[in-house]
Amino acid sequence: MAKFLGQHFLTNKNKLKKIVEALELENGDVIIEIGPGHGELTLELRIKNAELRIIAIEKDKELVKNLELRIKNLGIKNIKVIQGDALKILPKLISGRA
């Protein structure tokens, strides 16, 4: 994990559930999560609605590998993890070039 990124991880299950409950998510919605870290919020979103399409953008290569492995081991579909800088990736996502 890259210490220079100043990473902090939200792991409190109650807080994660409150965040997800506050969202008005519908089947087929696309969520762009910036900095998913270990995937705590990502997976909580999937528990709430398995039909969501989630694009998770993470800068830390080690976290990307770990999250991809976790998603694969859980057999979760509709989650794409992209390694890189969200400020550079988001314009490509919006324009459809990513």
PDB file of N, CA and C in Angstrom:
ATOM      1  N   MET A   1       0.832  -1.169   0.000  1.00  0.00           N
ATOM      2  CA  MET A   1       0.000   0.000   0.000  1.00  0.00           C
ATOM      3  C   MET A   1       0.882   1.240   0.000  1.00  0.00           C
ATOM      4  N   ALA A   2       0.537   2.188  -0.817  1.00  0.00           N
ATOM      5  CA  ALA A   2       1.334   3.398  -0.941  1.00  0.00           C
ATOM      6  C   ALA A   2       0.981   4.387   0.167  1.00  0.00           C
ATOM      7  N   LYS A   3       1.878   4.564   1.111  1.00  0.00           N
ATOM      8  CA  LYS A   3       1.645   5.449   2.253  1.00  0.00           C
ATOM      9  C   LYS A   3       1.483   6.911   1.823  1.00  0.00           C
ATOM     10  N   PHE A   4       2.102   7.300   0.726  1.00  0.00           N
ATOM     11  CA  PHE A   4       2.051   8.690   0.297  1.00  0.00           C
ATOM     12  C   PHE A   4       0.663   9.121  -0.166  1.00  0.00           C
ATOM     13  N   LEU A   5      -0.244   8.187  -0.365  1.00  0.00           N
ATOM     14  CA  LEU A   5      -1.583   8.535  -0.829  1.00  0.00           C
ATOM     15  C   LEU A   5      -2.488   9.015   0.306  1.00  0.00           C
ATOM     16  N   GLY A   6      -2.035   8.915   1.545  1.00  0.00           N
ATOM     17  CA  GLY A   6      -2.826   9.382   2.679  1.00  0.00           C
ATOM     18  C   GLY A   6      -4.140   8.634   2.815  1.00  0.00           C
ATOM     19  N   GLN A   7      -4.086   7.328   2.698  1.00  0.00           N
ATOM     20  CA  GLN A   7      -5.303   6.526   2.679  1.00  0.00           C
ATOM     21  C   GLN A   7      -5.912   6.338   4.061  1.00  0.00           C
ATOM     22  N   HIS A   8      -7.233   6.412   4.083  1.00  0.00           N
ATOM     23  CA  HIS A   8      -8.024   6.122   5.278  1.00  0.00           C
ATOM     24  C   HIS A   8      -9.175   5.245   4.819  1.00  0.00           C
ATOM     25  N   PHE A   9      -9.503   4.218   5.593  1.00  0.00           N
ATOM     26  CA  PHE A   9     -10.510   3.255   5.166  1.00  0.00           C
ATOM     27  C   PHE A   9     -11.701   3.262   6.108  1.00  0.00           C
ATOM     28  N   LEU A  10     -12.895   3.385   5.540  1.00  0.00           N
ATOM     29  CA  LEU A  10     -14.124   3.319   6.311  1.00  0.00           C
ATOM     30  C   LEU A  10     -14.496   1.847   6.462  1.00  0.00           C
ATOM     31  N   THR A  11     -14.461   1.346   7.674  1.00  0.00           N
ATOM     32  CA  THR A  11     -14.751  -0.074   7.908  1.00  0.00           C
ATOM     33  C   THR A  11     -15.938  -0.293   8.834  1.00  0.00           C
ATOM     34  N   ASN A  12     -16.484   0.777   9.394  1.00  0.00           N
ATOM     35  CA  ASN A  12     -17.605   0.664  10.317  1.00  0.00           C
ATOM     36  C   ASN A  12     -18.850   0.219   9.542  1.00  0.00           C
ATOM     37  N   LYS A  13     -19.318  -1.000   9.807  1.00  0.00           N
ATOM     38  CA  LYS A  13     -20.453  -1.585   9.077  1.00  0.00           C
ATOM     39  C   LYS A  13     -21.706  -0.728   9.197  1.00  0.00           C
ATOM     40  N   ASN A  14     -21.969  -0.182  10.378  1.00  0.00           N
ATOM     41  CA  ASN A  14     -23.163   0.645  10.560  1.00  0.00           C
ATOM     42  C   ASN A  14     -23.108   1.900   9.698  1.00  0.00           C
ATOM     43  N   LYS A  15     -21.955   2.535   9.631  1.00  0.00           N
ATOM     44  CA  LYS A  15     -21.793   3.733   8.800  1.00  0.00           C
ATOM     45  C   LYS A  15     -21.938   3.388   7.317  1.00  0.00           C
ATOM     46  N   LEU A  16     -21.348   2.263   6.906  1.00  0.00           N
ATOM     47  CA  LEU A  16     -21.460   1.829   5.518  1.00  0.00           C
ATOM     48  C   LEU A  16     -22.921   1.584   5.148  1.00  0.00           C
ATOM     49  N   LYS A  17     -23.665   0.918   6.027  1.00  0.00           N
ATOM     50  CA  LYS A  17     -25.078   0.641   5.767  1.00  0.00           C
ATOM     51  C   LYS A  17     -25.883   1.933   5.684  1.00  0.00           C
ATOM     52  N   LYS A  18     -25.570   2.903   6.533  1.00  0.00           N
ATOM     53  CA  LYS A  18     -26.275   4.186   6.500  1.00  0.00           C
ATOM     54  C   LYS A  18     -26.029   4.920   5.185  1.00  0.00           C
ATOM     55  N   ILE A  19     -24.800   4.876   4.713  1.00  0.00           N
ATOM     56  CA  ILE A  19     -24.471   5.510   3.430  1.00  0.00           C
ATOM     57  C   ILE A  19     -25.287   4.878   2.315  1.00  0.00           C
ATOM     58  N   VAL A  20     -25.286   3.556   2.263  1.00  0.00           N
ATOM     59  CA  VAL A  20     -25.995   2.842   1.203  1.00  0.00           C
ATOM     60  C   VAL A  20     -27.502   3.060   1.308  1.00  0.00           C
ATOM     61  N   GLU A  21     -28.025   3.051   2.517  1.00  0.00           N
ATOM     62  CA  GLU A  21     -29.460   3.275   2.718  1.00  0.00           C
ATOM     63  C   GLU A  21     -29.885   4.669   2.271  1.00  0.00           C
ATOM     64  N   ALA A  22     -28.991   5.651   2.371  1.00  0.00           N
ATOM     65  CA  ALA A  22     -29.312   7.023   1.982  1.00  0.00           C
ATOM     66  C   ALA A  22     -29.405   7.193   0.466  1.00  0.00           C
ATOM     67  N   LEU A  23     -28.855   6.250  -0.277  1.00  0.00           N
ATOM     68  CA  LEU A  23     -28.871   6.325  -1.741  1.00  0.00           C
ATOM     69  C   LEU A  23     -30.174   5.738  -2.277  1.00  0.00           C
ATOM     70  N   GLU A  24     -30.696   6.337  -3.303  1.00  0.00           N
ATOM     71  CA  GLU A  24     -31.903   5.817  -3.949  1.00  0.00           C
ATOM     72  C   GLU A  24     -31.477   5.023  -5.175  1.00  0.00           C
ATOM     73  N   LEU A  25     -31.063   3.794  -4.940  1.00  0.00           N
ATOM     74  CA  LEU A  25     -30.505   2.958  -5.990  1.00  0.00           C
ATOM     75  C   LEU A  25     -31.588   2.123  -6.661  1.00  0.00           C
ATOM     76  N   GLU A  26     -31.508   2.054  -7.981  1.00  0.00           N
ATOM     77  CA  GLU A  26     -32.443   1.250  -8.749  1.00  0.00           C
ATOM     78  C   GLU A  26     -31.671   0.255  -9.600  1.00  0.00           C
ATOM     79  N   ASN A  27     -32.341  -0.827  -9.997  1.00  0.00           N
ATOM     80  CA  ASN A  27     -31.715  -1.811 -10.867  1.00  0.00           C
ATOM     81  C   ASN A  27     -31.187  -1.121 -12.119  1.00  0.00           C
ATOM     82  N   GLY A  28     -29.979  -1.477 -12.505  1.00  0.00           N
ATOM     83  CA  GLY A  28     -29.371  -0.918 -13.699  1.00  0.00           C
ATOM     84  C   GLY A  28     -28.602   0.372 -13.476  1.00  0.00           C
ATOM     85  N   ASP A  29     -28.668   0.947 -12.282  1.00  0.00           N
ATOM     86  CA  ASP A  29     -27.891   2.150 -12.002  1.00  0.00           C
ATOM     87  C   ASP A  29     -26.399   1.852 -12.108  1.00  0.00           C
ATOM     88  N   VAL A  30     -25.646   2.868 -12.492  1.00  0.00           N
ATOM     89  CA  VAL A  30     -24.188   2.766 -12.560  1.00  0.00           C
ATOM     90  C   VAL A  30     -23.611   3.642 -11.460  1.00  0.00           C
ATOM     91  N   ILE A  31     -22.773   3.045 -10.632  1.00  0.00           N
ATOM     92  CA  ILE A  31     -22.093   3.757  -9.550  1.00  0.00           C
ATOM     93  C   ILE A  31     -20.617   3.848  -9.917  1.00  0.00           C
ATOM     94  N   ILE A  32     -20.059   5.049  -9.813  1.00  0.00           N
ATOM     95  CA  ILE A  32     -18.615   5.213  -9.966  1.00  0.00           C
ATOM     96  C   ILE A  32     -18.080   5.496  -8.574  1.00  0.00           C
ATOM     97  N   GLU A  33     -17.287   4.570  -8.080  1.00  0.00           N
ATOM     98  CA  GLU A  33     -16.706   4.708  -6.743  1.00  0.00           C
ATOM     99  C   GLU A  33     -15.234   5.079  -6.894  1.00  0.00           C
ATOM    100  N   ILE A  34     -14.864   6.193  -6.323  1.00  0.00           N
ATOM    101  CA  ILE A  34     -13.476   6.642  -6.401  1.00  0.00           C
ATOM    102  C   ILE A  34     -12.780   6.279  -5.096  1.00  0.00           C
ATOM    103  N   GLY A  35     -11.721   5.487  -5.214  1.00  0.00           N
ATOM    104  CA  GLY A  35     -10.958   5.054  -4.050  1.00  0.00           C
ATOM    105  C   GLY A  35     -11.664   3.991  -3.236  1.00  0.00           C
ATOM    106  N   PRO A  36     -11.992   2.855  -3.838  1.00  0.00           N
ATOM    107  CA  PRO A  36     -12.706   1.807  -3.114  1.00  0.00           C
ATOM    108  C   PRO A  36     -11.887   1.110  -2.038  1.00  0.00           C
ATOM    109  N   GLY A  37     -10.577   1.277  -2.061  1.00  0.00           N
ATOM    110  CA  GLY A  37      -9.735   0.644  -1.041  1.00  0.00           C
ATOM    111  C   GLY A  37      -9.898  -0.860  -1.020  1.00  0.00           C
ATOM    112  N   HIS A  38     -10.339  -1.383   0.120  1.00  0.00           N
ATOM    113  CA  HIS A  38     -10.525  -2.831   0.274  1.00  0.00           C
ATOM    114  C   HIS A  38     -11.879  -3.294  -0.247  1.00  0.00           C
ATOM    115  N   GLY A  39     -12.745  -2.362  -0.612  1.00  0.00           N
ATOM    116  CA  GLY A  39     -14.041  -2.709  -1.178  1.00  0.00           C
ATOM    117  C   GLY A  39     -15.181  -2.796  -0.182  1.00  0.00           C
ATOM    118  N   GLU A  40     -15.019  -2.230   0.988  1.00  0.00           N
ATOM    119  CA  GLU A  40     -16.077  -2.306   1.992  1.00  0.00           C
ATOM    120  C   GLU A  40     -17.382  -1.701   1.483  1.00  0.00           C
ATOM    121  N   LEU A  41     -17.318  -0.471   0.954  1.00  0.00           N
ATOM    122  CA  LEU A  41     -18.524   0.174   0.436  1.00  0.00           C
ATOM    123  C   LEU A  41     -18.996  -0.518  -0.844  1.00  0.00           C
ATOM    124  N   THR A  42     -18.064  -0.913  -1.673  1.00  0.00           N
ATOM    125  CA  THR A  42     -18.396  -1.606  -2.917  1.00  0.00           C
ATOM    126  C   THR A  42     -19.264  -2.822  -2.633  1.00  0.00           C
ATOM    127  N   LEU A  43     -18.832  -3.638  -1.689  1.00  0.00           N
ATOM    128  CA  LEU A  43     -19.575  -4.864  -1.375  1.00  0.00           C
ATOM    129  C   LEU A  43     -20.889  -4.565  -0.662  1.00  0.00           C
ATOM    130  N   GLU A  44     -20.923  -3.529   0.137  1.00  0.00           N
ATOM    131  CA  GLU A  44     -22.173  -3.141   0.804  1.00  0.00           C
ATOM    132  C   GLU A  44     -23.202  -2.681  -0.239  1.00  0.00           C
ATOM    133  N   LEU A  45     -22.742  -1.993  -1.271  1.00  0.00           N
ATOM    134  CA  LEU A  45     -23.631  -1.604  -2.368  1.00  0.00           C
ATOM    135  C   LEU A  45     -24.223  -2.832  -3.054  1.00  0.00           C
ATOM    136  N   ARG A  46     -23.410  -3.868  -3.228  1.00  0.00           N
ATOM    137  CA  ARG A  46     -23.874  -5.107  -3.879  1.00  0.00           C
ATOM    138  C   ARG A  46     -24.887  -5.840  -3.013  1.00  0.00           C
ATOM    139  N   ILE A  47     -24.721  -5.778  -1.714  1.00  0.00           N
ATOM    140  CA  ILE A  47     -25.679  -6.414  -0.809  1.00  0.00           C
ATOM    141  C   ILE A  47     -27.035  -5.728  -0.963  1.00  0.00           C
ATOM    142  N   LYS A  48     -27.019  -4.412  -1.064  1.00  0.00           N
ATOM    143  CA  LYS A  48     -28.256  -3.627  -1.197  1.00  0.00           C
ATOM    144  C   LYS A  48     -28.941  -3.891  -2.533  1.00  0.00           C
ATOM    145  N   ASN A  49     -28.146  -3.978  -3.613  1.00  0.00           N
ATOM    146  CA  ASN A  49     -28.726  -4.136  -4.946  1.00  0.00           C
ATOM    147  C   ASN A  49     -27.733  -4.846  -5.857  1.00  0.00           C
ATOM    148  N   ALA A  50     -27.967  -6.127  -6.094  1.00  0.00           N
ATOM    149  CA  ALA A  50     -27.051  -6.938  -6.902  1.00  0.00           C
ATOM    150  C   ALA A  50     -27.095  -6.577  -8.381  1.00  0.00           C
ATOM    151  N   GLU A  51     -28.062  -5.756  -8.790  1.00  0.00           N
ATOM    152  CA  GLU A  51     -28.189  -5.371 -10.199  1.00  0.00           C
ATOM    153  C   GLU A  51     -27.416  -4.100 -10.546  1.00  0.00           C
ATOM    154  N   LEU A  52     -26.764  -3.512  -9.565  1.00  0.00           N
ATOM    155  CA  LEU A  52     -25.970  -2.311  -9.833  1.00  0.00           C
ATOM    156  C   LEU A  52     -24.764  -2.647 -10.690  1.00  0.00           C
ATOM    157  N   ARG A  53     -24.362  -1.698 -11.502  1.00  0.00           N
ATOM    158  CA  ARG A  53     -23.089  -1.792 -12.212  1.00  0.00           C
ATOM    159  C   ARG A  53     -22.155  -0.822 -11.504  1.00  0.00           C
ATOM    160  N   ILE A  54     -21.049  -1.348 -10.993  1.00  0.00           N
ATOM    161  CA  ILE A  54     -20.119  -0.532 -10.223  1.00  0.00           C
ATOM    162  C   ILE A  54     -18.787  -0.439 -10.957  1.00  0.00           C
ATOM    163  N   ILE A  55     -18.321   0.785 -11.120  1.00  0.00           N
ATOM    164  CA  ILE A  55     -16.992   1.041 -11.673  1.00  0.00           C
ATOM    165  C   ILE A  55     -16.182   1.642 -10.532  1.00  0.00           C
ATOM    166  N   ALA A  56     -15.180   0.909 -10.078  1.00  0.00           N
ATOM    167  CA  ALA A  56     -14.359   1.321  -8.947  1.00  0.00           C
ATOM    168  C   ALA A  56     -12.991   1.768  -9.471  1.00  0.00           C
ATOM    169  N   ILE A  57     -12.631   3.004  -9.187  1.00  0.00           N
ATOM    170  CA  ILE A  57     -11.348   3.559  -9.645  1.00  0.00           C
ATOM    171  C   ILE A  57     -10.431   3.698  -8.436  1.00  0.00           C
ATOM    172  N   GLU A  58      -9.335   2.969  -8.476  1.00  0.00           N
ATOM    173  CA  GLU A  58      -8.377   2.949  -7.357  1.00  0.00           C
ATOM    174  C   GLU A  58      -6.980   3.223  -7.893  1.00  0.00           C
ATOM    175  N   LYS A  59      -6.246   4.098  -7.223  1.00  0.00           N
ATOM    176  CA  LYS A  59      -4.897   4.475  -7.650  1.00  0.00           C
ATOM    177  C   LYS A  59      -3.840   3.462  -7.196  1.00  0.00           C
ATOM    178  N   ASP A  60      -4.034   2.855  -6.048  1.00  0.00           N
ATOM    179  CA  ASP A  60      -3.052   1.955  -5.441  1.00  0.00           C
ATOM    180  C   ASP A  60      -3.105   0.571  -6.112  1.00  0.00           C
ATOM    181  N   LYS A  61      -2.026   0.200  -6.786  1.00  0.00           N
ATOM    182  CA  LYS A  61      -1.978  -1.068  -7.532  1.00  0.00           C
ATOM    183  C   LYS A  61      -2.223  -2.282  -6.640  1.00  0.00           C
ATOM    184  N   GLU A  62      -1.681  -2.265  -5.446  1.00  0.00           N
ATOM    185  CA  GLU A  62      -1.847  -3.399  -4.530  1.00  0.00           C
ATOM    186  C   GLU A  62      -3.310  -3.553  -4.118  1.00  0.00           C
ATOM    187  N   LEU A  63      -3.957  -2.441  -3.832  1.00  0.00           N
ATOM    188  CA  LEU A  63      -5.375  -2.491  -3.470  1.00  0.00           C
ATOM    189  C   LEU A  63      -6.225  -2.970  -4.645  1.00  0.00           C
ATOM    190  N   VAL A  64      -5.867  -2.565  -5.859  1.00  0.00           N
ATOM    191  CA  VAL A  64      -6.588  -3.017  -7.053  1.00  0.00           C
ATOM    192  C   VAL A  64      -6.506  -4.533  -7.167  1.00  0.00           C
ATOM    193  N   LYS A  65      -5.303  -5.070  -7.048  1.00  0.00           N
ATOM    194  CA  LYS A  65      -5.127  -6.535  -7.147  1.00  0.00           C
ATOM    195  C   LYS A  65      -5.933  -7.257  -6.080  1.00  0.00           C
ATOM    196  N   ASN A  66      -5.870  -6.749  -4.852  1.00  0.00           N
ATOM    197  CA  ASN A  66      -6.598  -7.392  -3.758  1.00  0.00           C
ATOM    198  C   ASN A  66      -8.105  -7.323  -3.963  1.00  0.00           C
ATOM    199  N   LEU A  67      -8.599  -6.179  -4.418  1.00  0.00           N
ATOM    200  CA  LEU A  67     -10.045  -6.025  -4.635  1.00  0.00           C
ATOM    201  C   LEU A  67     -10.513  -6.897  -5.793  1.00  0.00           C
ATOM    202  N   GLU A  68      -9.751  -6.945  -6.869  1.00  0.00           N
ATOM    203  CA  GLU A  68     -10.112  -7.810  -8.002  1.00  0.00           C
ATOM    204  C   GLU A  68     -10.176  -9.269  -7.566  1.00  0.00           C
ATOM    205  N   LEU A  69      -9.224  -9.698  -6.762  1.00  0.00           N
ATOM    206  CA  LEU A  69      -9.207 -11.077  -6.273  1.00  0.00           C
ATOM    207  C   LEU A  69     -10.411 -11.340  -5.360  1.00  0.00           C
ATOM    208  N   ARG A  70     -10.697 -10.395  -4.495  1.00  0.00           N
ATOM    209  CA  ARG A  70     -11.848 -10.541  -3.583  1.00  0.00           C
ATOM    210  C   ARG A  70     -13.155 -10.668  -4.361  1.00  0.00           C
ATOM    211  N   ILE A  71     -13.324  -9.822  -5.368  1.00  0.00           N
ATOM    212  CA  ILE A  71     -14.531  -9.855  -6.206  1.00  0.00           C
ATOM    213  C   ILE A  71     -14.629 -11.184  -6.951  1.00  0.00           C
ATOM    214  N   LYS A  72     -13.507 -11.618  -7.497  1.00  0.00           N
ATOM    215  CA  LYS A  72     -13.480 -12.886  -8.240  1.00  0.00           C
ATOM    216  C   LYS A  72     -13.825 -14.053  -7.310  1.00  0.00           C
ATOM    217  N   ASN A  73     -13.216 -14.087  -6.134  1.00  0.00           N
ATOM    218  CA  ASN A  73     -13.458 -15.190  -5.190  1.00  0.00           C
ATOM    219  C   ASN A  73     -14.906 -15.232  -4.708  1.00  0.00           C
ATOM    220  N   LEU A  74     -15.558 -14.075  -4.651  1.00  0.00           N
ATOM    221  CA  LEU A  74     -16.964 -14.028  -4.235  1.00  0.00           C
ATOM    222  C   LEU A  74     -17.915 -14.278  -5.407  1.00  0.00           C
ATOM    223  N   GLY A  75     -17.368 -14.356  -6.612  1.00  0.00           N
ATOM    224  CA  GLY A  75     -18.188 -14.614  -7.796  1.00  0.00           C
ATOM    225  C   GLY A  75     -19.116 -13.460  -8.148  1.00  0.00           C
ATOM    226  N   ILE A  76     -18.694 -12.248  -7.843  1.00  0.00           N
ATOM    227  CA  ILE A  76     -19.525 -11.073  -8.077  1.00  0.00           C
ATOM    228  C   ILE A  76     -19.346 -10.593  -9.519  1.00  0.00           C
ATOM    229  N   LYS A  77     -20.458 -10.257 -10.133  1.00  0.00           N
ATOM    230  CA  LYS A  77     -20.451  -9.720 -11.503  1.00  0.00           C
ATOM    231  C   LYS A  77     -20.769  -8.229 -11.453  1.00  0.00           C
ATOM    232  N   ASN A  78     -20.606  -7.561 -12.554  1.00  0.00           N
ATOM    233  CA  ASN A  78     -20.963  -6.154 -12.727  1.00  0.00           C
ATOM    234  C   ASN A  78     -20.119  -5.185 -11.912  1.00  0.00           C
ATOM    235  N   ILE A  79     -18.927  -5.598 -11.506  1.00  0.00           N
ATOM    236  CA  ILE A  79     -18.001  -4.669 -10.870  1.00  0.00           C
ATOM    237  C   ILE A  79     -16.731  -4.642 -11.708  1.00  0.00           C
ATOM    238  N   LYS A  80     -16.364  -3.455 -12.151  1.00  0.00           N
ATOM    239  CA  LYS A  80     -15.131  -3.270 -12.914  1.00  0.00           C
ATOM    240  C   LYS A  80     -14.195  -2.426 -12.074  1.00  0.00           C
ATOM    241  N   VAL A  81     -12.996  -2.919 -11.832  1.00  0.00           N
ATOM    242  CA  VAL A  81     -11.996  -2.179 -11.073  1.00  0.00           C
ATOM    243  C   VAL A  81     -10.971  -1.635 -12.062  1.00  0.00           C
ATOM    244  N   ILE A  82     -10.762  -0.329 -12.007  1.00  0.00           N
ATOM    245  CA  ILE A  82      -9.805   0.328 -12.892  1.00  0.00           C
ATOM    246  C   ILE A  82      -8.685   0.903 -12.036  1.00  0.00           C
ATOM    247  N   GLN A  83      -7.444   0.599 -12.409  1.00  0.00           N
ATOM    248  CA  GLN A  83      -6.295   1.127 -11.683  1.00  0.00           C
ATOM    249  C   GLN A  83      -5.867   2.421 -12.348  1.00  0.00           C
ATOM    250  N   GLY A  84      -5.768   3.489 -11.556  1.00  0.00           N
ATOM    251  CA  GLY A  84      -5.284   4.745 -12.094  1.00  0.00           C
ATOM    252  C   GLY A  84      -5.820   5.942 -11.343  1.00  0.00           C
ATOM    253  N   ASP A  85      -5.541   7.101 -11.889  1.00  0.00           N
ATOM    254  CA  ASP A  85      -5.932   8.381 -11.311  1.00  0.00           C
ATOM    255  C   ASP A  85      -7.332   8.738 -11.804  1.00  0.00           C
ATOM    256  N   ALA A  86      -8.272   8.887 -10.883  1.00  0.00           N
ATOM    257  CA  ALA A  86      -9.665   9.176 -11.238  1.00  0.00           C
ATOM    258  C   ALA A  86      -9.793  10.461 -12.059  1.00  0.00           C
ATOM    259  N   LEU A  87      -8.951  11.451 -11.781  1.00  0.00           N
ATOM    260  CA  LEU A  87      -9.030  12.710 -12.526  1.00  0.00           C
ATOM    261  C   LEU A  87      -8.714  12.520 -14.007  1.00  0.00           C
ATOM    262  N   LYS A  88      -7.910  11.520 -14.313  1.00  0.00           N
ATOM    263  CA  LYS A  88      -7.573  11.228 -15.709  1.00  0.00           C
ATOM    264  C   LYS A  88      -8.558  10.245 -16.328  1.00  0.00           C
ATOM    265  N   ILE A  89      -9.103   9.344 -15.515  1.00  0.00           N
ATOM    266  CA  ILE A  89      -9.983   8.284 -16.014  1.00  0.00           C
ATOM    267  C   ILE A  89     -11.421   8.773 -16.215  1.00  0.00           C
ATOM    268  N   LEU A  90     -11.907   9.618 -15.327  1.00  0.00           N
ATOM    269  CA  LEU A  90     -13.311  10.058 -15.403  1.00  0.00           C
ATOM    270  C   LEU A  90     -13.677  10.706 -16.740  1.00  0.00           C
ATOM    271  N   PRO A  91     -12.869  11.610 -17.295  1.00  0.00           N
ATOM    272  CA  PRO A  91     -13.249  12.173 -18.592  1.00  0.00           C
ATOM    273  C   PRO A  91     -13.385  11.116 -19.687  1.00  0.00           C
ATOM    274  N   LYS A  92     -12.541  10.079 -19.635  1.00  0.00           N
ATOM    275  CA  LYS A  92     -12.634   9.003 -20.622  1.00  0.00           C
ATOM    276  C   LYS A  92     -13.906   8.182 -20.410  1.00  0.00           C
ATOM    277  N   LEU A  93     -14.261   7.938 -19.147  1.00  0.00           N
ATOM    278  CA  LEU A  93     -15.492   7.197 -18.844  1.00  0.00           C
ATOM    279  C   LEU A  93     -16.711   7.965 -19.346  1.00  0.00           C
ATOM    280  N   ILE A  94     -16.720   9.254 -19.091  1.00  0.00           N
ATOM    281  CA  ILE A  94     -17.861  10.078 -19.473  1.00  0.00           C
ATOM    282  C   ILE A  94     -18.019  10.140 -20.988  1.00  0.00           C
ATOM    283  N   SER A  95     -16.890  10.190 -21.688  1.00  0.00           N
ATOM    284  CA  SER A  95     -16.944  10.282 -23.152  1.00  0.00           C
ATOM    285  C   SER A  95     -17.086   8.907 -23.808  1.00  0.00           C
ATOM    286  N   GLY A  96     -17.007   7.844 -23.001  1.00  0.00           N
ATOM    287  CA  GLY A  96     -17.142   6.489 -23.554  1.00  0.00           C
ATOM    288  C   GLY A  96     -15.870   5.920 -24.145  1.00  0.00           C
ATOM    289  N   ARG A  97     -14.727   6.504 -23.820  1.00  0.00           N
ATOM    290  CA  ARG A  97     -13.452   6.026 -24.372  1.00  0.00           C
ATOM    291  C   ARG A  97     -12.699   5.111 -23.428  1.00  0.00           C
ATOM    292  N   ALA A  98     -13.286   4.784 -22.282  1.00  0.00           N
ATOM    293  CA  ALA A  98     -12.579   3.913 -21.309  1.00  0.00           C
ATOM    294  C   ALA A  98     -13.129   2.513 -21.349  1.00  0.00           C
TER     295      ALA A  98
END
